[in-house]
All heavy atoms as atom14 arrays in JSON, in Angstrom:
{
  "sequence": "IFAPSKREKGVDPNLVVEKLRNIMVDSQVHIVK",
  "atom14_mask": [
    [1, 1, 1, 1, 1, 1, 1, 1, 0, 0, 0, 0, 0, 0],
    [1, 1, 1, 1, 1, 1, 1, 1, 1, 1, 1, 0, 0, 0],
    [1, 1, 1, 1, 1, 0, 0, 0, 0, 0, 0, 0, 0, 0],
    [1, 1, 1, 1, 1, 1, 1, 0, 0, 0, 0, 0, 0, 0],
    [1, 1, 1, 1, 1, 1, 0, 0, 0, 0, 0, 0, 0, 0],
    [1, 1, 1, 1, 1, 1, 1, 1, 1, 0, 0, 0, 0, 0],
    [1, 1, 1, 1, 1, 1, 1, 1, 1, 1, 1, 0, 0, 0],
    [1, 1, 1, 1, 1, 1, 1, 1, 1, 0, 0, 0, 0, 0],
    [1, 1, 1, 1, 1, 1, 1, 1, 1, 0, 0, 0, 0, 0],
    [1, 1, 1, 1, 0, 0, 0, 0, 0, 0, 0, 0, 0, 0],
    [1, 1, 1, 1, 1, 1, 1, 0, 0, 0, 0, 0, 0, 0],
    [1, 1, 1, 1, 1, 1, 1, 1, 0, 0, 0, 0, 0, 0],
    [1, 1, 1, 1, 1, 1, 1, 0, 0, 0, 0, 0, 0, 0],
    [1, 1, 1, 1, 1, 1, 1, 1, 0, 0, 0, 0, 0, 0],
    [1, 1, 1, 1, 1, 1, 1, 1, 0, 0, 0, 0, 0, 0],
    [1, 1, 1, 1, 1, 1, 1, 0, 0, 0, 0, 0, 0, 0],
    [1, 1, 1, 1, 1, 1, 1, 0, 0, 0, 0, 0, 0, 0],
    [1, 1, 1, 1, 1, 1, 1, 1, 1, 0, 0, 0, 0, 0],
    [1, 1, 1, 1, 1, 1, 1, 1, 1, 0, 0, 0, 0, 0],
    [1, 1, 1, 1, 1, 1, 1, 1, 0, 0, 0, 0, 0, 0],
    [1, 1, 1, 1, 1, 1, 1, 1, 1, 1, 1, 0, 0, 0],
    [1, 1, 1, 1, 1, 1, 1, 1, 0, 0, 0, 0, 0, 0],
    [1, 1, 1, 1, 1, 1, 1, 1, 0, 0, 0, 0, 0, 0],
    [1, 1, 1, 1, 1, 1, 1, 1, 0, 0, 0, 0, 0, 0],
    [1, 1, 1, 1, 1, 1, 1, 0, 0, 0, 0, 0, 0, 0],
    [1, 1, 1, 1, 1, 1, 1, 1, 0, 0, 0, 0, 0, 0],
    [1, 1, 1, 1, 1, 1, 0, 0, 0, 0, 0, 0, 0, 0],
    [1, 1, 1, 1, 1, 1, 1, 1, 1, 0, 0, 0, 0, 0],
    [1, 1, 1, 1, 1, 1, 1, 0, 0, 0, 0, 0, 0, 0],
    [1, 1, 1, 1, 1, 1, 1, 1, 1, 1, 0, 0, 0, 0],
    [1, 1, 1, 1, 1, 1, 1, 1, 0, 0, 0, 0, 0, 0],
    [1, 1, 1, 1, 1, 1, 1, 0, 0, 0, 0, 0, 0, 0],
    [1, 1, 1, 1, 1, 1, 1, 1, 1, 0, 0, 0, 0, 0]
  ],
  "atom14_positions": [
    [[42.41, 55.41, -206.37], [43.73, 56.0, -206.16], [44.51, 56.09, -207.47], [45.16, 57.1, -207.76], [44.52, 55.19, -205.11], [43.86, 55.35, -203.73], [45.98, 55.64, -205.07], [44.47, 54.47, -202.66], [0.0, 0.0, 0.0], [0.0, 0.0, 0.0], [0.0, 0.0, 0.0], [0.0, 0.0, 0.0], [0.0, 0.0, 0.0], [0.0, 0.0, 0.0]],
    [[44.43, 55.04, -208.28], [45.26, 54.99, -209.49], [44.55, 55.49, -210.75], [45.18, 55.56, -211.82], [45.76, 53.55, -209.72], [46.84, 53.14, -208.76], [46.54, 52.42, -207.62], [48.16, 53.5, -208.99], [47.53, 52.06, -206.72], [49.16, 53.14, -208.1], [48.84, 52.42, -206.96], [0.0, 0.0, 0.0], [0.0, 0.0, 0.0], [0.0, 0.0, 0.0]],
    [[43.27, 55.84, -210.63], [42.53, 56.31, -211.8], [43.19, 57.48, -212.51], [43.24, 57.51, -213.76], [41.1, 56.67, -211.39], [0.0, 0.0, 0.0], [0.0, 0.0, 0.0], [0.0, 0.0, 0.0], [0.0, 0.0, 0.0], [0.0, 0.0, 0.0], [0.0, 0.0, 0.0], [0.0, 0.0, 0.0], [0.0, 0.0, 0.0], [0.0, 0.0, 0.0]],
    [[43.74, 58.49, -211.78], [44.38, 59.62, -212.48], [45.54, 59.21, -213.37], [45.83, 59.9, -214.37], [44.86, 60.52, -211.33], [43.94, 60.2, -210.21], [43.67, 58.73, -210.32], [0.0, 0.0, 0.0], [0.0, 0.0, 0.0], [0.0, 0.0, 0.0], [0.0, 0.0, 0.0], [0.0, 0.0, 0.0], [0.0, 0.0, 0.0], [0.0, 0.0, 0.0]],
    [[46.22, 58.1, -213.06], [47.37, 57.68, -213.86], [46.97, 57.0, -215.16], [47.82, 56.75, -216.03], [48.24, 56.72, -213.03], [47.53, 55.5, -212.78], [0.0, 0.0, 0.0], [0.0, 0.0, 0.0], [0.0, 0.0, 0.0], [0.0, 0.0, 0.0], [0.0, 0.0, 0.0], [0.0, 0.0, 0.0], [0.0, 0.0, 0.0], [0.0, 0.0, 0.0]],
    [[45.67, 56.72, -215.32], [45.2, 56.03, -216.52], [44.59, 57.0, -217.53], [44.1, 56.56, -218.58], [44.19, 54.96, -216.12], [44.77, 53.9, -215.18], [43.71, 52.9, -214.74], [44.31, 51.88, -213.77], [43.3, 50.9, -213.3], [0.0, 0.0, 0.0], [0.0, 0.0, 0.0], [0.0, 0.0, 0.0], [0.0, 0.0, 0.0], [0.0, 0.0, 0.0]],
    [[44.58, 58.29, -217.2], [43.99, 59.27, -218.11], [45.06, 59.88, -219.02], [46.14, 60.24, -218.55], [43.3, 60.38, -217.32], [42.15, 59.88, -216.47], [41.36, 61.02, -215.84], [40.29, 60.48, -215.01], [40.3, 60.48, -213.68], [41.32, 61.03, -213.03], [39.3, 59.94, -213.01], [0.0, 0.0, 0.0], [0.0, 0.0, 0.0], [0.0, 0.0, 0.0]],
    [[44.75, 59.97, -220.3], [45.68, 60.61, -221.23], [45.51, 62.12, -221.23], [46.44, 62.85, -221.53], [45.44, 60.06, -222.65], [45.78, 58.58, -222.78], [45.62, 58.08, -224.2], [45.3, 58.92, -225.08], [45.8, 56.88, -224.43], [0.0, 0.0, 0.0], [0.0, 0.0, 0.0], [0.0, 0.0, 0.0], [0.0, 0.0, 0.0], [0.0, 0.0, 0.0]],
    [[44.31, 62.59, -220.89], [44.05, 64.01, -220.76], [43.31, 64.25, -219.46], [42.51, 63.42, -219.02], [43.2, 64.52, -221.93], [43.88, 64.45, -223.28], [42.98, 65.0, -224.38], [43.66, 64.95, -225.73], [42.8, 65.51, -226.81], [0.0, 0.0, 0.0], [0.0, 0.0, 0.0], [0.0, 0.0, 0.0], [0.0, 0.0, 0.0], [0.0, 0.0, 0.0]],
    [[43.6, 65.39, -218.84], [42.93, 65.66, -217.58], [43.32, 67.0, -217.0], [43.79, 67.89, -217.71], [0.0, 0.0, 0.0], [0.0, 0.0, 0.0], [0.0, 0.0, 0.0], [0.0, 0.0, 0.0], [0.0, 0.0, 0.0], [0.0, 0.0, 0.0], [0.0, 0.0, 0.0], [0.0, 0.0, 0.0], [0.0, 0.0, 0.0], [0.0, 0.0, 0.0]],
    [[43.16, 67.12, -215.7], [43.37, 68.37, -214.98], [44.52, 68.21, -213.99], [44.6, 67.22, -213.26], [42.09, 68.78, -214.22], [42.32, 70.06, -213.42], [40.93, 68.95, -215.19], [0.0, 0.0, 0.0], [0.0, 0.0, 0.0], [0.0, 0.0, 0.0], [0.0, 0.0, 0.0], [0.0, 0.0, 0.0], [0.0, 0.0, 0.0], [0.0, 0.0, 0.0]],
    [[45.41, 69.19, -213.98], [46.53, 69.21, -213.05], [45.99, 69.46, -211.63], [45.29, 70.45, -211.4], [47.5, 70.32, -213.44], [48.76, 70.34, -212.59], [48.76, 69.81, -211.47], [49.76, 70.91, -213.06], [0.0, 0.0, 0.0], [0.0, 0.0, 0.0], [0.0, 0.0, 0.0], [0.0, 0.0, 0.0], [0.0, 0.0, 0.0], [0.0, 0.0, 0.0]],
    [[46.31, 68.61, -210.65], [45.81, 68.82, -209.29], [46.28, 70.13, -208.67], [45.58, 70.72, -207.84], [46.34, 67.61, -208.51], [47.5, 67.11, -209.31], [47.13, 67.39, -210.72], [0.0, 0.0, 0.0], [0.0, 0.0, 0.0], [0.0, 0.0, 0.0], [0.0, 0.0, 0.0], [0.0, 0.0, 0.0], [0.0, 0.0, 0.0], [0.0, 0.0, 0.0]],
    [[47.46, 70.61, -209.08], [47.95, 71.89, -208.56], [47.02, 73.04, -208.97], [46.82, 73.98, -208.2], [49.36, 72.16, -209.09], [50.38, 71.23, -208.47], [50.65, 71.27, -207.28], [50.94, 70.35, -209.3], [0.0, 0.0, 0.0], [0.0, 0.0, 0.0], [0.0, 0.0, 0.0], [0.0, 0.0, 0.0], [0.0, 0.0, 0.0], [0.0, 0.0, 0.0]],
    [[46.45, 72.94, -210.16], [45.51, 73.95, -210.61], [44.26, 73.95, -209.74], [43.74, 75.01, -209.36], [45.13, 73.69, -212.08], [44.04, 74.59, -212.67], [44.49, 76.05, -212.67], [43.66, 74.12, -214.07], [0.0, 0.0, 0.0], [0.0, 0.0, 0.0], [0.0, 0.0, 0.0], [0.0, 0.0, 0.0], [0.0, 0.0, 0.0], [0.0, 0.0, 0.0]],
    [[43.77, 72.76, -209.4], [42.58, 72.64, -208.56], [42.83, 73.23, -207.18], [42.02, 74.0, -206.65], [42.15, 71.16, -208.44], [41.05, 71.01, -207.39], [41.68, 70.64, -209.79], [0.0, 0.0, 0.0], [0.0, 0.0, 0.0], [0.0, 0.0, 0.0], [0.0, 0.0, 0.0], [0.0, 0.0, 0.0], [0.0, 0.0, 0.0], [0.0, 0.0, 0.0]],
    [[43.98, 72.89, -206.59], [44.31, 73.41, -205.26], [44.41, 74.93, -205.28], [43.93, 75.61, -204.36], [45.63, 72.78, -204.75], [46.1, 73.47, -203.47], [45.43, 71.29, -204.49], [0.0, 0.0, 0.0], [0.0, 0.0, 0.0], [0.0, 0.0, 0.0], [0.0, 0.0, 0.0], [0.0, 0.0, 0.0], [0.0, 0.0, 0.0], [0.0, 0.0, 0.0]],
    [[45.01, 75.47, -206.32], [45.15, 76.93, -206.43], [43.79, 77.6, -206.58], [43.53, 78.64, -205.95], [46.04, 77.28, -207.62], [46.35, 78.76, -207.76], [47.17, 79.32, -206.61], [47.86, 78.53, -205.93], [47.11, 80.55, -206.39], [0.0, 0.0, 0.0], [0.0, 0.0, 0.0], [0.0, 0.0, 0.0], [0.0, 0.0, 0.0], [0.0, 0.0, 0.0]],
    [[42.9, 77.03, -207.37], [41.56, 77.58, -207.53], [40.8, 77.55, -206.21], [40.13, 78.52, -205.83], [40.79, 76.8, -208.6], [41.18, 77.15, -210.04], [40.32, 76.37, -211.02], [40.57, 76.83, -212.46], [40.04, 78.18, -212.69], [0.0, 0.0, 0.0], [0.0, 0.0, 0.0], [0.0, 0.0, 0.0], [0.0, 0.0, 0.0], [0.0, 0.0, 0.0]],
    [[40.9, 76.44, -205.49], [40.22, 76.33, -204.2], [40.76, 77.35, -203.21], [40.0, 77.98, -202.45], [40.38, 74.92, -203.64], [39.59, 73.81, -204.35], [40.05, 72.44, -203.87], [38.09, 73.97, -204.11], [0.0, 0.0, 0.0], [0.0, 0.0, 0.0], [0.0, 0.0, 0.0], [0.0, 0.0, 0.0], [0.0, 0.0, 0.0], [0.0, 0.0, 0.0]],
    [[42.09, 77.51, -203.22], [42.71, 78.48, -202.3], [42.2, 79.89, -202.58], [41.85, 80.63, -201.67], [44.23, 78.43, -202.43], [44.95, 79.39, -201.46], [46.45, 79.34, -201.65], [46.99, 78.03, -201.32], [47.56, 77.21, -202.19], [47.66, 77.57, -203.47], [48.02, 76.04, -201.81], [0.0, 0.0, 0.0], [0.0, 0.0, 0.0], [0.0, 0.0, 0.0]],
    [[42.13, 80.26, -203.85], [41.67, 81.59, -204.21], [40.22, 81.83, -203.8], [39.85, 82.94, -203.41], [41.82, 81.81, -205.72], [43.27, 81.92, -206.15], [44.14, 82.25, -205.35], [43.54, 81.63, -207.42], [0.0, 0.0, 0.0], [0.0, 0.0, 0.0], [0.0, 0.0, 0.0], [0.0, 0.0, 0.0], [0.0, 0.0, 0.0], [0.0, 0.0, 0.0]],
    [[39.41, 80.78, -203.9], [38.0, 80.9, -203.5], [37.89, 81.07, -201.98], [37.16, 81.95, -201.5], [37.2, 79.66, -203.94], [37.13, 79.59, -205.47], [35.79, 79.68, -203.34], [36.6, 78.27, -206.0], [0.0, 0.0, 0.0], [0.0, 0.0, 0.0], [0.0, 0.0, 0.0], [0.0, 0.0, 0.0], [0.0, 0.0, 0.0], [0.0, 0.0, 0.0]],
    [[38.62, 80.26, -201.23], [38.4, 80.19, -199.79], [39.09, 81.3, -199.0], [38.68, 81.6, -197.88], [38.87, 78.82, -199.27], [38.1, 77.64, -199.86], [36.3, 77.74, -199.62], [36.19, 77.53, -197.85], [0.0, 0.0, 0.0], [0.0, 0.0, 0.0], [0.0, 0.0, 0.0], [0.0, 0.0, 0.0], [0.0, 0.0, 0.0], [0.0, 0.0, 0.0]],
    [[40.14, 81.92, -199.56], [40.82, 82.99, -198.82], [40.26, 84.36, -199.15], [40.7, 85.37, -198.58], [42.35, 82.99, -199.08], [42.97, 81.68, -198.68], [42.67, 83.33, -200.54], [0.0, 0.0, 0.0], [0.0, 0.0, 0.0], [0.0, 0.0, 0.0], [0.0, 0.0, 0.0], [0.0, 0.0, 0.0], [0.0, 0.0, 0.0], [0.0, 0.0, 0.0]],
    [[39.29, 84.43, -200.04], [38.66, 85.71, -200.33], [38.08, 86.3, -199.04], [37.47, 85.59, -198.24], [37.55, 85.5, -201.36], [36.96, 86.82, -201.84], [36.1, 87.37, -201.13], [37.35, 87.3, -202.91], [0.0, 0.0, 0.0], [0.0, 0.0, 0.0], [0.0, 0.0, 0.0], [0.0, 0.0, 0.0], [0.0, 0.0, 0.0], [0.0, 0.0, 0.0]],
    [[38.26, 87.59, -198.85], [37.85, 88.22, -197.59], [36.36, 88.09, -197.33], [35.92, 88.04, -196.18], [38.24, 89.71, -197.6], [37.59, 90.4, -198.66], [0.0, 0.0, 0.0], [0.0, 0.0, 0.0], [0.0, 0.0, 0.0], [0.0, 0.0, 0.0], [0.0, 0.0, 0.0], [0.0, 0.0, 0.0], [0.0, 0.0, 0.0], [0.0, 0.0, 0.0]],
    [[35.54, 88.01, -198.39], [34.11, 87.89, -198.22], [33.66, 86.47, -197.9], [32.5, 86.23, -197.61], [33.39, 88.38, -199.49], [33.54, 89.87, -199.72], [32.79, 90.33, -200.95], [32.91, 89.75, -202.02], [32.0, 91.37, -200.79], [0.0, 0.0, 0.0], [0.0, 0.0, 0.0], [0.0, 0.0, 0.0], [0.0, 0.0, 0.0], [0.0, 0.0, 0.0]],
    [[34.6, 85.55, -197.94], [34.33, 84.16, -197.59], [35.03, 83.78, -196.29], [34.5, 83.04, -195.47], [34.78, 83.21, -198.73], [34.67, 81.75, -198.31], [33.97, 83.47, -199.98], [0.0, 0.0, 0.0], [0.0, 0.0, 0.0], [0.0, 0.0, 0.0], [0.0, 0.0, 0.0], [0.0, 0.0, 0.0], [0.0, 0.0, 0.0], [0.0, 0.0, 0.0]],
    [[36.21, 84.33, -196.1], [37.06, 83.95, -194.97], [36.88, 84.85, -193.75], [37.04, 84.39, -192.61], [38.52, 83.96, -195.42], [39.49, 83.48, -194.39], [39.43, 82.22, -193.84], [40.55, 84.09, -193.81], [40.41, 82.08, -192.95], [41.09, 83.19, -192.92], [0.0, 0.0, 0.0], [0.0, 0.0, 0.0], [0.0, 0.0, 0.0], [0.0, 0.0, 0.0]],
    [[36.54, 86.12, -193.96], [36.52, 87.07, -192.83], [35.14, 87.67, -192.62], [34.48, 87.4, -191.62], [37.57, 88.19, -193.06], [38.97, 87.58, -193.22], [37.54, 89.17, -191.88], [40.04, 88.58, -193.59], [0.0, 0.0, 0.0], [0.0, 0.0, 0.0], [0.0, 0.0, 0.0], [0.0, 0.0, 0.0], [0.0, 0.0, 0.0], [0.0, 0.0, 0.0]],
    [[34.69, 88.5, -193.55], [33.37, 89.14, -193.44], [32.45, 88.44, -194.42], [32.51, 88.69, -195.62], [33.46, 90.65, -193.73], [32.09, 91.3, -193.6], [34.45, 91.32, -192.77], [0.0, 0.0, 0.0], [0.0, 0.0, 0.0], [0.0, 0.0, 0.0], [0.0, 0.0, 0.0], [0.0, 0.0, 0.0], [0.0, 0.0, 0.0], [0.0, 0.0, 0.0]],
    [[31.58, 87.58, -193.91], [30.81, 86.68, -194.76], [29.38, 87.19, -194.97], [28.89, 88.03, -194.23], [30.76, 85.29, -194.12], [32.12, 84.77, -193.71], [32.03, 83.56, -192.8], [33.38, 83.18, -192.24], [33.31, 82.07, -191.26], [0.0, 0.0, 0.0], [0.0, 0.0, 0.0], [0.0, 0.0, 0.0], [0.0, 0.0, 0.0], [0.0, 0.0, 0.0]]
  ]
}
């Protein structure tokens, strides 16, 4: 749980969520697969 707070450099979780959202809402993944 606390590992992210000990990193001096890393990845913003908001960026990860946005990337995942873009992947999963694509029409070829979400609707016509």
